PDB file of N, CA and C in Angstrom:
ATOM      1  N   MET A   1     -64.766 114.404  35.859  1.00  0.00           N
ATOM      2  CA  MET A   1     -64.851 114.722  37.260  1.00  0.00           C
ATOM      3  C   MET A   1     -66.310 114.746  37.689  1.00  0.00           C
ATOM      4  N   ARG A   2     -66.590 114.187  38.818  1.00  0.00           N
ATOM      5  CA  ARG A   2     -67.949 114.166  39.361  1.00  0.00           C
ATOM      6  C   ARG A   2     -67.937 114.892  40.695  1.00  0.00           C
ATOM      7  N   LEU A   3     -68.685 115.963  40.779  1.00  0.00           N
ATOM      8  CA  LEU A   3     -68.746 116.733  42.013  1.00  0.00           C
ATOM      9  C   LEU A   3     -69.663 116.049  43.007  1.00  0.00           C
ATOM     10  N   LYS A   4     -69.448 116.317  44.283  1.00  0.00           N
ATOM     11  CA  LYS A   4     -70.160 115.616  45.342  1.00  0.00           C
ATOM     12  C   LYS A   4     -71.671 115.725  45.241  1.00  0.00           C
ATOM     13  N   ASN A   5     -72.182 116.924  45.082  1.00  0.00           N
ATOM     14  CA  ASN A   5     -73.633 117.084  45.026  1.00  0.00           C
ATOM     15  C   ASN A   5     -74.110 117.287  43.596  1.00  0.00           C
ATOM     16  N   ASP A   6     -73.443 116.614  42.675  1.00  0.00           N
ATOM     17  CA  ASP A   6     -73.722 116.754  41.254  1.00  0.00           C
ATOM     18  C   ASP A   6     -75.128 116.288  40.893  1.00  0.00           C
ATOM     19  N   ARG A   7     -75.596 115.202  41.495  1.00  0.00           N
ATOM     20  CA  ARG A   7     -76.903 114.659  41.134  1.00  0.00           C
ATOM     21  C   ARG A   7     -78.024 115.627  41.453  1.00  0.00           C
ATOM     22  N   SER A   8     -77.940 116.261  42.604  1.00  0.00           N
ATOM     23  CA  SER A   8     -79.006 117.182  42.988  1.00  0.00           C
ATOM     24  C   SER A   8     -79.021 118.411  42.093  1.00  0.00           C
ATOM     25  N   VAL A   9     -77.860 118.819  41.622  1.00  0.00           N
ATOM     26  CA  VAL A   9     -77.783 119.994  40.759  1.00  0.00           C
ATOM     27  C   VAL A   9     -78.311 119.665  39.367  1.00  0.00           C
ATOM     28  N   GLU A  10     -78.086 118.431  38.895  1.00  0.00           N
ATOM     29  CA  GLU A  10     -78.537 118.038  37.557  1.00  0.00           C
ATOM     30  C   GLU A  10     -80.046 118.188  37.406  1.00  0.00           C
ATOM     31  N   LYS A  11     -80.793 117.912  38.459  1.00  0.00           N
ATOM     32  CA  LYS A  11     -82.247 117.924  38.381  1.00  0.00           C
ATOM     33  C   LYS A  11     -82.813 119.335  38.344  1.00  0.00           C
ATOM     34  N   ARG A  12     -82.047 120.281  38.810  1.00  0.00           N
ATOM     35  CA  ARG A  12     -82.527 121.662  38.861  1.00  0.00           C
ATOM     36  C   ARG A  12     -82.292 122.341  37.523  1.00  0.00           C
ATOM     37  N   SER A  13     -83.254 123.107  37.105  1.00  0.00           N
ATOM     38  CA  SER A  13     -83.077 123.853  35.868  1.00  0.00           C
ATOM     39  C   SER A  13     -82.530 125.233  36.200  1.00  0.00           C
ATOM     40  N   ILE A  14     -81.580 125.666  35.418  1.00  0.00           N
ATOM     41  CA  ILE A  14     -80.993 126.981  35.628  1.00  0.00           C
ATOM     42  C   ILE A  14     -81.740 127.974  34.759  1.00  0.00           C
ATOM     43  N   LYS A  15     -82.257 129.009  35.401  1.00  0.00           N
ATOM     44  CA  LYS A  15     -82.947 130.057  34.666  1.00  0.00           C
ATOM     45  C   LYS A  15     -81.936 131.108  34.247  1.00  0.00           C
ATOM     46  N   MET A  16     -82.145 131.660  33.084  1.00  0.00           N
ATOM     47  CA  MET A  16     -81.286 132.741  32.628  1.00  0.00           C
ATOM     48  C   MET A  16     -81.595 133.991  33.437  1.00  0.00           C
ATOM     49  N   LEU A  17     -80.568 134.750  33.736  1.00  0.00           N
ATOM     50  CA  LEU A  17     -80.748 136.000  34.468  1.00  0.00           C
ATOM     51  C   LEU A  17     -81.255 137.084  33.532  1.00  0.00           C
ATOM     52  N   THR A  18     -82.129 137.928  34.050  1.00  0.00           N
ATOM     53  CA  THR A  18     -82.573 139.085  33.274  1.00  0.00           C
ATOM     54  C   THR A  18     -81.518 140.177  33.395  1.00  0.00           C
ATOM     55  N   GLY A  19     -81.625 141.198  32.582  1.00  0.00           N
ATOM     56  CA  GLY A  19     -80.682 142.308  32.630  1.00  0.00           C
ATOM     57  C   GLY A  19     -80.694 143.014  33.973  1.00  0.00           C
ATOM     58  N   LYS A  20     -81.876 143.152  34.540  1.00  0.00           N
ATOM     59  CA  LYS A  20     -82.020 143.809  35.846  1.00  0.00           C
ATOM     60  C   LYS A  20     -81.335 142.988  36.941  1.00  0.00           C
ATOM     61  N   GLN A  21     -81.504 141.675  36.892  1.00  0.00           N
ATOM     62  CA  GLN A  21     -80.883 140.800  37.879  1.00  0.00           C
ATOM     63  C   GLN A  21     -79.363 140.788  37.725  1.00  0.00           C
ATOM     64  N   ARG A  22     -78.900 140.732  36.480  1.00  0.00           N
ATOM     65  CA  ARG A  22     -77.460 140.745  36.213  1.00  0.00           C
ATOM     66  C   ARG A  22     -76.843 142.054  36.709  1.00  0.00           C
ATOM     67  N   SER A  23     -77.535 143.158  36.493  1.00  0.00           N
ATOM     68  CA  SER A  23     -77.067 144.461  36.956  1.00  0.00           C
ATOM     69  C   SER A  23     -76.985 144.498  38.483  1.00  0.00           C
ATOM     70  N   TYR A  24     -77.978 143.935  39.144  1.00  0.00           N
ATOM     71  CA  TYR A  24     -77.992 143.877  40.606  1.00  0.00           C
ATOM     72  C   TYR A  24     -76.805 143.052  41.117  1.00  0.00           C
ATOM     73  N   LEU A  25     -76.539 141.909  40.475  1.00  0.00           N
ATOM     74  CA  LEU A  25     -75.420 141.061  40.883  1.00  0.00           C
ATOM     75  C   LEU A  25     -74.077 141.743  40.632  1.00  0.00           C
ATOM     76  N   ARG A  26     -73.975 142.494  39.536  1.00  0.00           N
ATOM     77  CA  ARG A  26     -72.742 143.250  39.269  1.00  0.00           C
ATOM     78  C   ARG A  26     -72.493 144.261  40.377  1.00  0.00           C
ATOM     79  N   LYS A  27     -73.573 144.907  40.831  1.00  0.00           N
ATOM     80  CA  LYS A  27     -73.463 145.884  41.911  1.00  0.00           C
ATOM     81  C   LYS A  27     -72.970 145.208  43.193  1.00  0.00           C
ATOM     82  N   LEU A  28     -73.509 144.038  43.515  1.00  0.00           N
ATOM     83  CA  LEU A  28     -73.076 143.303  44.701  1.00  0.00           C
ATOM     84  C   LEU A  28     -71.625 142.831  44.578  1.00  0.00           C
ATOM     85  N   ALA A  29     -71.236 142.426  43.381  1.00  0.00           N
ATOM     86  CA  ALA A  29     -69.890 141.889  43.164  1.00  0.00           C
ATOM     87  C   ALA A  29     -68.818 142.963  43.234  1.00  0.00           C
ATOM     88  N   ASN A  30     -69.218 144.205  43.085  1.00  0.00           N
ATOM     89  CA  ASN A  30     -68.255 145.299  43.103  1.00  0.00           C
ATOM     90  C   ASN A  30     -67.460 145.339  44.407  1.00  0.00           C
ATOM     91  N   GLY A  31     -68.092 144.970  45.509  1.00  0.00           N
ATOM     92  CA  GLY A  31     -67.437 145.060  46.804  1.00  0.00           C
ATOM     93  C   GLY A  31     -66.735 143.804  47.279  1.00  0.00           C
ATOM     94  N   ILE A  32     -66.786 142.716  46.505  1.00  0.00           N
ATOM     95  CA  ILE A  32     -66.150 141.485  46.972  1.00  0.00           C
ATOM     96  C   ILE A  32     -64.791 141.283  46.318  1.00  0.00           C
ATOM     97  N   ARG A  33     -63.934 140.550  47.011  1.00  0.00           N
ATOM     98  CA  ARG A  33     -62.597 140.240  46.498  1.00  0.00           C
ATOM     99  C   ARG A  33     -62.614 138.869  45.816  1.00  0.00           C
ATOM    100  N   PRO A  34     -61.673 138.636  44.912  1.00  0.00           N
ATOM    101  CA  PRO A  34     -61.595 137.315  44.285  1.00  0.00           C
ATOM    102  C   PRO A  34     -61.346 136.220  45.323  1.00  0.00           C
ATOM    103  N   VAL A  35     -62.044 135.100  45.179  1.00  0.00           N
ATOM    104  CA  VAL A  35     -61.899 133.997  46.125  1.00  0.00           C
ATOM    105  C   VAL A  35     -60.750 133.073  45.758  1.00  0.00           C
ATOM    106  N   THR A  36     -60.382 133.050  44.490  1.00  0.00           N
ATOM    107  CA  THR A  36     -59.285 132.201  44.051  1.00  0.00           C
ATOM    108  C   THR A  36     -58.678 132.767  42.776  1.00  0.00           C
ATOM    109  N   GLN A  37     -57.540 132.175  42.392  1.00  0.00           N
ATOM    110  CA  GLN A  37     -56.853 132.599  41.179  1.00  0.00           C
ATOM    111  C   GLN A  37     -56.654 131.399  40.269  1.00  0.00           C
ATOM    112  N   ILE A  38     -56.722 131.656  38.980  1.00  0.00           N
ATOM    113  CA  ILE A  38     -56.444 130.619  37.996  1.00  0.00           C
ATOM    114  C   ILE A  38     -55.082 130.939  37.402  1.00  0.00           C
ATOM    115  N   GLY A  39     -54.176 129.979  37.467  1.00  0.00           N
ATOM    116  CA  GLY A  39     -52.810 130.196  37.004  1.00  0.00           C
ATOM    117  C   GLY A  39     -52.479 129.419  35.750  1.00  0.00           C
ATOM    118  N   LYS A  40     -51.213 129.040  35.623  1.00  0.00           N
ATOM    119  CA  LYS A  40     -50.721 128.328  34.442  1.00  0.00           C
ATOM    120  C   LYS A  40     -51.436 127.002  34.213  1.00  0.00           C
ATOM    121  N   ALA A  41     -51.805 126.335  35.291  1.00  0.00           N
ATOM    122  CA  ALA A  41     -52.444 125.019  35.175  1.00  0.00           C
ATOM    123  C   ALA A  41     -53.836 125.110  34.561  1.00  0.00           C
ATOM    124  N   GLY A  42     -54.432 126.282  34.578  1.00  0.00           N
ATOM    125  CA  GLY A  42     -55.755 126.460  33.983  1.00  0.00           C
ATOM    126  C   GLY A  42     -56.860 125.915  34.872  1.00  0.00           C
ATOM    127  N   ILE A  43     -57.899 125.404  34.238  1.00  0.00           N
ATOM    128  CA  ILE A  43     -59.067 124.896  34.969  1.00  0.00           C
ATOM    129  C   ILE A  43     -58.818 123.433  35.321  1.00  0.00           C
ATOM    130  N   THR A  44     -58.551 123.183  36.589  1.00  0.00           N
ATOM    131  CA  THR A  44     -58.265 121.826  37.057  1.00  0.00           C
ATOM    132  C   THR A  44     -59.442 121.304  37.875  1.00  0.00           C
ATOM    133  N   ASP A  45     -59.421 120.003  38.139  1.00  0.00           N
ATOM    134  CA  ASP A  45     -60.476 119.396  38.954  1.00  0.00           C
ATOM    135  C   ASP A  45     -60.492 119.982  40.361  1.00  0.00           C
ATOM    136  N   SER A  46     -59.309 120.193  40.929  1.00  0.00           N
ATOM    137  CA  SER A  46     -59.259 120.745  42.291  1.00  0.00           C
ATOM    138  C   SER A  46     -59.793 122.177  42.325  1.00  0.00           C
ATOM    139  N   LEU A  47     -59.536 122.946  41.279  1.00  0.00           N
ATOM    140  CA  LEU A  47     -60.073 124.306  41.200  1.00  0.00           C
ATOM    141  C   LEU A  47     -61.597 124.266  41.147  1.00  0.00           C
ATOM    142  N   LEU A  48     -62.142 123.381  40.333  1.00  0.00           N
ATOM    143  CA  LEU A  48     -63.596 123.265  40.209  1.00  0.00           C
ATOM    144  C   LEU A  48     -64.237 122.811  41.519  1.00  0.00           C
ATOM    145  N   GLU A  49     -63.575 121.901  42.234  1.00  0.00           N
ATOM    146  CA  GLU A  49     -64.098 121.458  43.527  1.00  0.00           C
ATOM    147  C   GLU A  49     -64.112 122.610  44.525  1.00  0.00           C
ATOM    148  N   GLN A  50     -63.035 123.397  44.529  1.00  0.00           N
ATOM    149  CA  GLN A  50     -62.956 124.547  45.429  1.00  0.00           C
ATOM    150  C   GLN A  50     -64.049 125.563  45.099  1.00  0.00           C
ATOM    151  N   LEU A  51     -64.236 125.855  43.817  1.00  0.00           N
ATOM    152  CA  LEU A  51     -65.262 126.810  43.410  1.00  0.00           C
ATOM    153  C   LEU A  51     -66.663 126.284  43.709  1.00  0.00           C
ATOM    154  N   GLU A  52     -66.858 124.980  43.578  1.00  0.00           N
ATOM    155  CA  GLU A  52     -68.147 124.355  43.893  1.00  0.00           C
ATOM    156  C   GLU A  52     -68.505 124.581  45.360  1.00  0.00           C
ATOM    157  N   LEU A  53     -67.555 124.341  46.247  1.00  0.00           N
ATOM    158  CA  LEU A  53     -67.795 124.536  47.678  1.00  0.00           C
ATOM    159  C   LEU A  53     -68.051 126.003  48.002  1.00  0.00           C
ATOM    160  N   THR A  54     -67.296 126.878  47.370  1.00  0.00           N
ATOM    161  CA  THR A  54     -67.454 128.306  47.621  1.00  0.00           C
ATOM    162  C   THR A  54     -68.801 128.802  47.103  1.00  0.00           C
ATOM    163  N   LEU A  55     -69.202 128.351  45.921  1.00  0.00           N
ATOM    164  CA  LEU A  55     -70.505 128.740  45.372  1.00  0.00           C
ATOM    165  C   LEU A  55     -71.650 128.256  46.254  1.00  0.00           C
ATOM    166  N   ALA A  56     -71.500 127.077  46.824  1.00  0.00           N
ATOM    167  CA  ALA A  56     -72.554 126.532  47.680  1.00  0.00           C
ATOM    168  C   ALA A  56     -72.773 127.397  48.915  1.00  0.00           C
ATOM    169  N   SER A  57     -71.711 128.025  49.394  1.00  0.00           N
ATOM    170  CA  SER A  57     -71.857 128.831  50.607  1.00  0.00           C
ATOM    171  C   SER A  57     -72.084 130.313  50.333  1.00  0.00           C
ATOM    172  N   ARG A  58     -71.566 130.822  49.217  1.00  0.00           N
ATOM    173  CA  ARG A  58     -71.635 132.267  48.971  1.00  0.00           C
ATOM    174  C   ARG A  58     -72.582 132.695  47.859  1.00  0.00           C
ATOM    175  N   GLU A  59     -72.870 131.842  46.921  1.00  0.00           N
ATOM    176  CA  GLU A  59     -73.738 132.118  45.764  1.00  0.00           C
ATOM    177  C   GLU A  59     -73.085 133.007  44.704  1.00  0.00           C
ATOM    178  N   LEU A  60     -72.398 134.055  45.099  1.00  0.00           N
ATOM    179  CA  LEU A  60     -71.789 135.000  44.162  1.00  0.00           C
ATOM    180  C   LEU A  60     -70.291 135.037  44.439  1.00  0.00           C
ATOM    181  N   ILE A  61     -69.483 134.692  43.421  1.00  0.00           N
ATOM    182  CA  ILE A  61     -68.035 134.685  43.630  1.00  0.00           C
ATOM    183  C   ILE A  61     -67.317 135.402  42.496  1.00  0.00           C
ATOM    184  N   LYS A  62     -66.151 135.921  42.842  1.00  0.00           N
ATOM    185  CA  LYS A  62     -65.286 136.583  41.873  1.00  0.00           C
ATOM    186  C   LYS A  62     -63.998 135.773  41.787  1.00  0.00           C
ATOM    187  N   VAL A  63     -63.509 135.559  40.572  1.00  0.00           N
ATOM    188  CA  VAL A  63     -62.304 134.775  40.332  1.00  0.00           C
ATOM    189  C   VAL A  63     -61.337 135.616  39.514  1.00  0.00           C
ATOM    190  N   SER A  64     -60.062 135.509  39.841  1.00  0.00           N
ATOM    191  CA  SER A  64     -59.027 136.256  39.144  1.00  0.00           C
ATOM    192  C   SER A  64     -58.186 135.299  38.301  1.00  0.00           C
ATOM    193  N   ILE A  65     -57.813 135.730  37.106  1.00  0.00           N
ATOM    194  CA  ILE A  65     -56.942 134.940  36.237  1.00  0.00           C
ATOM    195  C   ILE A  65     -55.583 135.625  36.208  1.00  0.00           C
ATOM    196  N   LEU A  66     -54.541 134.883  36.576  1.00  0.00           N
ATOM    197  CA  LEU A  66     -53.200 135.454  36.602  1.00  0.00           C
ATOM    198  C   LEU A  66     -52.703 135.738  35.189  1.00  0.00           C
ATOM    199  N   GLU A  67     -51.833 136.723  35.073  1.00  0.00           N
ATOM    200  CA  GLU A  67     -51.301 137.077  33.757  1.00  0.00           C
ATOM    201  C   GLU A  67     -50.409 135.984  33.185  1.00  0.00           C
ATOM    202  N   THR A  68     -49.834 135.128  34.043  1.00  0.00           N
ATOM    203  CA  THR A  68     -49.002 134.028  33.559  1.00  0.00           C
ATOM    204  C   THR A  68     -49.839 132.979  32.835  1.00  0.00           C
ATOM    205  N   SER A  69     -51.130 132.969  33.127  1.00  0.00           N
ATOM    206  CA  SER A  69     -52.039 132.069  32.434  1.00  0.00           C
ATOM    207  C   SER A  69     -52.390 132.704  31.091  1.00  0.00           C
ATOM    208  N   LEU A  70     -52.423 131.916  30.068  1.00  0.00           N
ATOM    209  CA  LEU A  70     -52.715 132.441  28.734  1.00  0.00           C
ATOM    210  C   LEU A  70     -54.197 132.295  28.380  1.00  0.00           C
ATOM    211  N   LEU A  71     -55.039 132.180  29.392  1.00  0.00           N
ATOM    212  CA  LEU A  71     -56.470 131.985  29.169  1.00  0.00           C
ATOM    213  C   LEU A  71     -57.182 133.309  28.931  1.00  0.00           C
ATOM    214  N   ASP A  72     -58.190 133.270  28.069  1.00  0.00           N
ATOM    215  CA  ASP A  72     -59.050 134.426  27.842  1.00  0.00           C
ATOM    216  C   ASP A  72     -60.091 134.479  28.960  1.00  0.00           C
ATOM    217  N   THR A  73     -60.323 135.651  29.492  1.00  0.00           N
ATOM    218  CA  THR A  73     -61.202 135.793  30.656  1.00  0.00           C
ATOM    219  C   THR A  73     -62.633 135.351  30.368  1.00  0.00           C
ATOM    220  N   LYS A  74     -63.223 135.831  29.281  1.00  0.00           N
ATOM    221  CA  LYS A  74     -64.626 135.485  28.991  1.00  0.00           C
ATOM    222  C   LYS A  74     -64.789 134.004  28.667  1.00  0.00           C
ATOM    223  N   GLU A  75     -63.870 133.452  27.890  1.00  0.00           N
ATOM    224  CA  GLU A  75     -63.950 132.030  27.557  1.00  0.00           C
ATOM    225  C   GLU A  75     -63.817 131.176  28.814  1.00  0.00           C
ATOM    226  N   THR A  76     -62.885 131.544  29.677  1.00  0.00           N
ATOM    227  CA  THR A  76     -62.685 130.811  30.928  1.00  0.00           C
ATOM    228  C   THR A  76     -63.910 130.921  31.819  1.00  0.00           C
ATOM    229  N   ALA A  77     -64.467 132.117  31.923  1.00  0.00           N
ATOM    230  CA  ALA A  77     -65.662 132.330  32.749  1.00  0.00           C
ATOM    231  C   ALA A  77     -66.827 131.489  32.242  1.00  0.00           C
ATOM    232  N   ASN A  78     -67.016 131.451  30.939  1.00  0.00           N
ATOM    233  CA  ASN A  78     -68.106 130.652  30.367  1.00  0.00           C
ATOM    234  C   ASN A  78     -67.886 129.162  30.604  1.00  0.00           C
ATOM    235  N   GLU A  79     -66.638 128.708  30.470  1.00  0.00           N
ATOM    236  CA  GLU A  79     -66.339 127.295  30.688  1.00  0.00           C
ATOM    237  C   GLU A  79     -66.556 126.902  32.152  1.00  0.00           C
ATOM    238  N   VAL A  80     -66.069 127.727  33.063  1.00  0.00           N
ATOM    239  CA  VAL A  80     -66.232 127.451  34.498  1.00  0.00           C
ATOM    240  C   VAL A  80     -67.709 127.473  34.880  1.00  0.00           C
ATOM    241  N   SER A  81     -68.444 128.472  34.419  1.00  0.00           N
ATOM    242  CA  SER A  81     -69.861 128.558  34.781  1.00  0.00           C
ATOM    243  C   SER A  81     -70.658 127.392  34.202  1.00  0.00           C
ATOM    244  N   THR A  82     -70.302 126.927  33.028  1.00  0.00           N
ATOM    245  CA  THR A  82     -70.980 125.772  32.442  1.00  0.00           C
ATOM    246  C   THR A  82     -70.705 124.514  33.260  1.00  0.00           C
ATOM    247  N   LYS A  83     -69.443 124.300  33.627  1.00  0.00           N
ATOM    248  CA  LYS A  83     -69.087 123.103  34.396  1.00  0.00           C
ATOM    249  C   LYS A  83     -69.697 123.111  35.791  1.00  0.00           C
ATOM    250  N   LEU A  84     -69.891 124.292  36.364  1.00  0.00           N
ATOM    251  CA  LEU A  84     -70.451 124.396  37.712  1.00  0.00           C
ATOM    252  C   LEU A  84     -71.957 124.644  37.705  1.00  0.00           C
ATOM    253  N   ARG A  85     -72.556 124.691  36.526  1.00  0.00           N
ATOM    254  CA  ARG A  85     -73.985 124.985  36.360  1.00  0.00           C
ATOM    255  C   ARG A  85     -74.354 126.288  37.061  1.00  0.00           C
ATOM    256  N   ALA A  86     -73.554 127.296  36.779  1.00  0.00           N
ATOM    257  CA  ALA A  86     -73.748 128.622  37.361  1.00  0.00           C
ATOM    258  C   ALA A  86     -74.027 129.615  36.242  1.00  0.00           C
ATOM    259  N   GLU A  87     -74.357 130.829  36.611  1.00  0.00           N
ATOM    260  CA  GLU A  87     -74.624 131.894  35.646  1.00  0.00           C
ATOM    261  C   GLU A  87     -73.433 132.838  35.573  1.00  0.00           C
ATOM    262  N   PHE A  88     -72.995 133.124  34.365  1.00  0.00           N
ATOM    263  CA  PHE A  88     -71.952 134.118  34.146  1.00  0.00           C
ATOM    264  C   PHE A  88     -72.573 135.497  34.371  1.00  0.00           C
ATOM    265  N   VAL A  89     -71.916 136.325  35.194  1.00  0.00           N
ATOM    266  CA  VAL A  89     -72.437 137.658  35.488  1.00  0.00           C
ATOM    267  C   VAL A  89     -71.666 138.713  34.715  1.00  0.00           C
ATOM    268  N   GLN A  90     -70.331 138.734  34.867  1.00  0.00           N
ATOM    269  CA  GLN A  90     -69.539 139.725  34.145  1.00  0.00           C
ATOM    270  C   GLN A  90     -68.074 139.328  34.130  1.00  0.00           C
ATOM    271  N   ALA A  91     -67.347 139.916  33.196  1.00  0.00           N
ATOM    272  CA  ALA A  91     -65.895 139.769  33.121  1.00  0.00           C
ATOM    273  C   ALA A  91     -65.305 141.141  32.846  1.00  0.00           C
ATOM    274  N   ILE A  92     -64.377 141.539  33.691  1.00  0.00           N
ATOM    275  CA  ILE A  92     -63.687 142.814  33.509  1.00  0.00           C
ATOM    276  C   ILE A  92     -62.200 142.562  33.699  1.00  0.00           C
ATOM    277  N   GLY A  93     -61.415 142.905  32.699  1.00  0.00           N
ATOM    278  CA  GLY A  93     -59.968 142.700  32.788  1.00  0.00           C
ATOM    279  C   GLY A  93     -59.646 141.232  32.969  1.00  0.00           C
ATOM    280  N   ASN A  94     -58.962 140.911  34.056  1.00  0.00           N
ATOM    281  CA  ASN A  94     -58.594 139.519  34.315  1.00  0.00           C
ATOM    282  C   ASN A  94     -59.446 138.893  35.429  1.00  0.00           C
ATOM    283  N   LYS A  95     -60.596 139.485  35.718  1.00  0.00           N
ATOM    284  CA  LYS A  95     -61.492 138.958  36.751  1.00  0.00           C
ATOM    285  C   LYS A  95     -62.872 138.670  36.155  1.00  0.00           C
ATOM    286  N   PHE A  96     -63.531 137.660  36.717  1.00  0.00           N
ATOM    287  CA  PHE A  96     -64.903 137.386  36.307  1.00  0.00           C
ATOM    288  C   PHE A  96     -65.743 137.007  37.517  1.00  0.00           C
ATOM    289  N   VAL A  97     -67.055 137.153  37.362  1.00  0.00           N
ATOM    290  CA  VAL A  97     -68.011 136.905  38.441  1.00  0.00           C
ATOM    291  C   VAL A  97     -69.034 135.885  37.956  1.00  0.00           C
ATOM    292  N   ILE A  98     -69.325 134.888  38.807  1.00  0.00           N
ATOM    293  CA  ILE A  98     -70.361 133.909  38.499  1.00  0.00           C
ATOM    294  C   ILE A  98     -71.312 133.792  39.691  1.00  0.00           C
ATOM    295  N   TYR A  99     -72.537 133.346  39.406  1.00  0.00           N
ATOM    296  CA  TYR A  99     -73.592 133.252  40.420  1.00  0.00           C
ATOM    297  C   TYR A  99     -74.335 131.938  40.257  1.00  0.00           C
ATOM    298  N   ARG A 100     -74.641 131.315  41.383  1.00  0.00           N
ATOM    299  CA  ARG A 100     -75.538 130.159  41.384  1.00  0.00           C
ATOM    300  C   ARG A 100     -76.373 130.221  42.657  1.00  0.00           C
ATOM    301  N   LYS A 101     -77.671 130.181  42.489  1.00  0.00           N
ATOM    302  CA  LYS A 101     -78.591 130.274  43.624  1.00  0.00           C
ATOM    303  C   LYS A 101     -78.438 129.054  44.521  1.00  0.00           C
ATOM    304  N   ALA A 102     -78.367 129.294  45.815  1.00  0.00           N
ATOM    305  CA  ALA A 102     -78.355 128.212  46.799  1.00  0.00           C
ATOM    306  C   ALA A 102     -79.809 127.856  47.092  1.00  0.00           C
ATOM    307  N   TYR A 103     -80.181 126.619  46.852  1.00  0.00           N
ATOM    308  CA  TYR A 103     -81.576 126.227  47.009  1.00  0.00           C
ATOM    309  C   TYR A 103     -81.938 125.928  48.458  1.00  0.00           C
ATOM    310  N   GLU A 104     -80.967 125.534  49.270  1.00  0.00           N
ATOM    311  CA  GLU A 104     -81.265 125.211  50.661  1.00  0.00           C
ATOM    312  C   GLU A 104     -81.328 126.450  51.545  1.00  0.00           C
ATOM    313  N   ASN A 105     -80.401 127.379  51.365  1.00  0.00           N
ATOM    314  CA  ASN A 105     -80.347 128.562  52.218  1.00  0.00           C
ATOM    315  C   ASN A 105     -79.928 129.773  51.380  1.00  0.00           C
ATOM    316  N   PRO A 106     -80.808 130.282  50.517  1.00  0.00           N
ATOM    317  CA  PRO A 106     -80.417 131.402  49.652  1.00  0.00           C
ATOM    318  C   PRO A 106     -80.137 132.670  50.454  1.00  0.00           C
ATOM    319  N   GLN A 107     -79.044 133.351  50.093  1.00  0.00           N
ATOM    320  CA  GLN A 107     -78.646 134.576  50.777  1.00  0.00           C
ATOM    321  C   GLN A 107     -78.960 135.811  49.950  1.00  0.00           C
ATOM    322  N   ILE A 108     -78.985 135.658  48.640  1.00  0.00           N
ATOM    323  CA  ILE A 108     -79.199 136.792  47.748  1.00  0.00           C
ATOM    324  C   ILE A 108     -80.617 136.729  47.188  1.00  0.00           C
ATOM    325  N   GLU A 109     -81.356 137.792  47.379  1.00  0.00           N
ATOM    326  CA  GLU A 109     -82.713 137.903  46.828  1.00  0.00           C
ATOM    327  C   GLU A 109     -82.625 138.722  45.544  1.00  0.00           C
ATOM    328  N   LEU A 110     -82.841 138.066  44.410  1.00  0.00           N
ATOM    329  CA  LEU A 110     -82.782 138.759  43.128  1.00  0.00           C
ATOM    330  C   LEU A 110     -84.050 139.565  42.899  1.00  0.00           C
ATOM    331  N   PRO A 111     -83.923 140.727  42.249  1.00  0.00           N
ATOM    332  CA  PRO A 111     -85.130 141.488  41.913  1.00  0.00           C
ATOM    333  C   PRO A 111     -85.968 140.718  40.887  1.00  0.00           C
ATOM    334  N   LYS A 112     -87.256 140.923  40.930  1.00  0.00           N
ATOM    335  CA  LYS A 112     -88.138 140.272  39.952  1.00  0.00           C
ATOM    336  C   LYS A 112     -87.846 140.837  38.575  1.00  0.00           C
ATOM    337  N   SER A 113     -88.061 140.022  37.571  1.00  0.00           N
ATOM    338  CA  SER A 113     -87.762 140.425  36.195  1.00  0.00           C
ATOM    339  C   SER A 113     -88.472 141.692  35.837  1.00  0.00           C
TER     340      SER A 113
END
């Protein structure tokens, strides 16, 4: 699968988040609701396209994994974040949070390391 703005993302290097930054993002994610759910079908191309568009506009998203899906939350979060070139923030229960900085119009200002 090739995402629409894949070329521009390839050129950018993703920096690892520091503990302080990850903690700040966890605090922000506490108040948001999951934007989508992953079900029996697992990680599909359409799911990745939807998450790509959502990440481009929101930077920080929460995703829920349905119990009917037999996927492990942390493994799924790592796979999704790798495919979307995003940073894994946290996984709790059947939900996980990922972050990717918007380079054109960033909304979240991370604390300095």
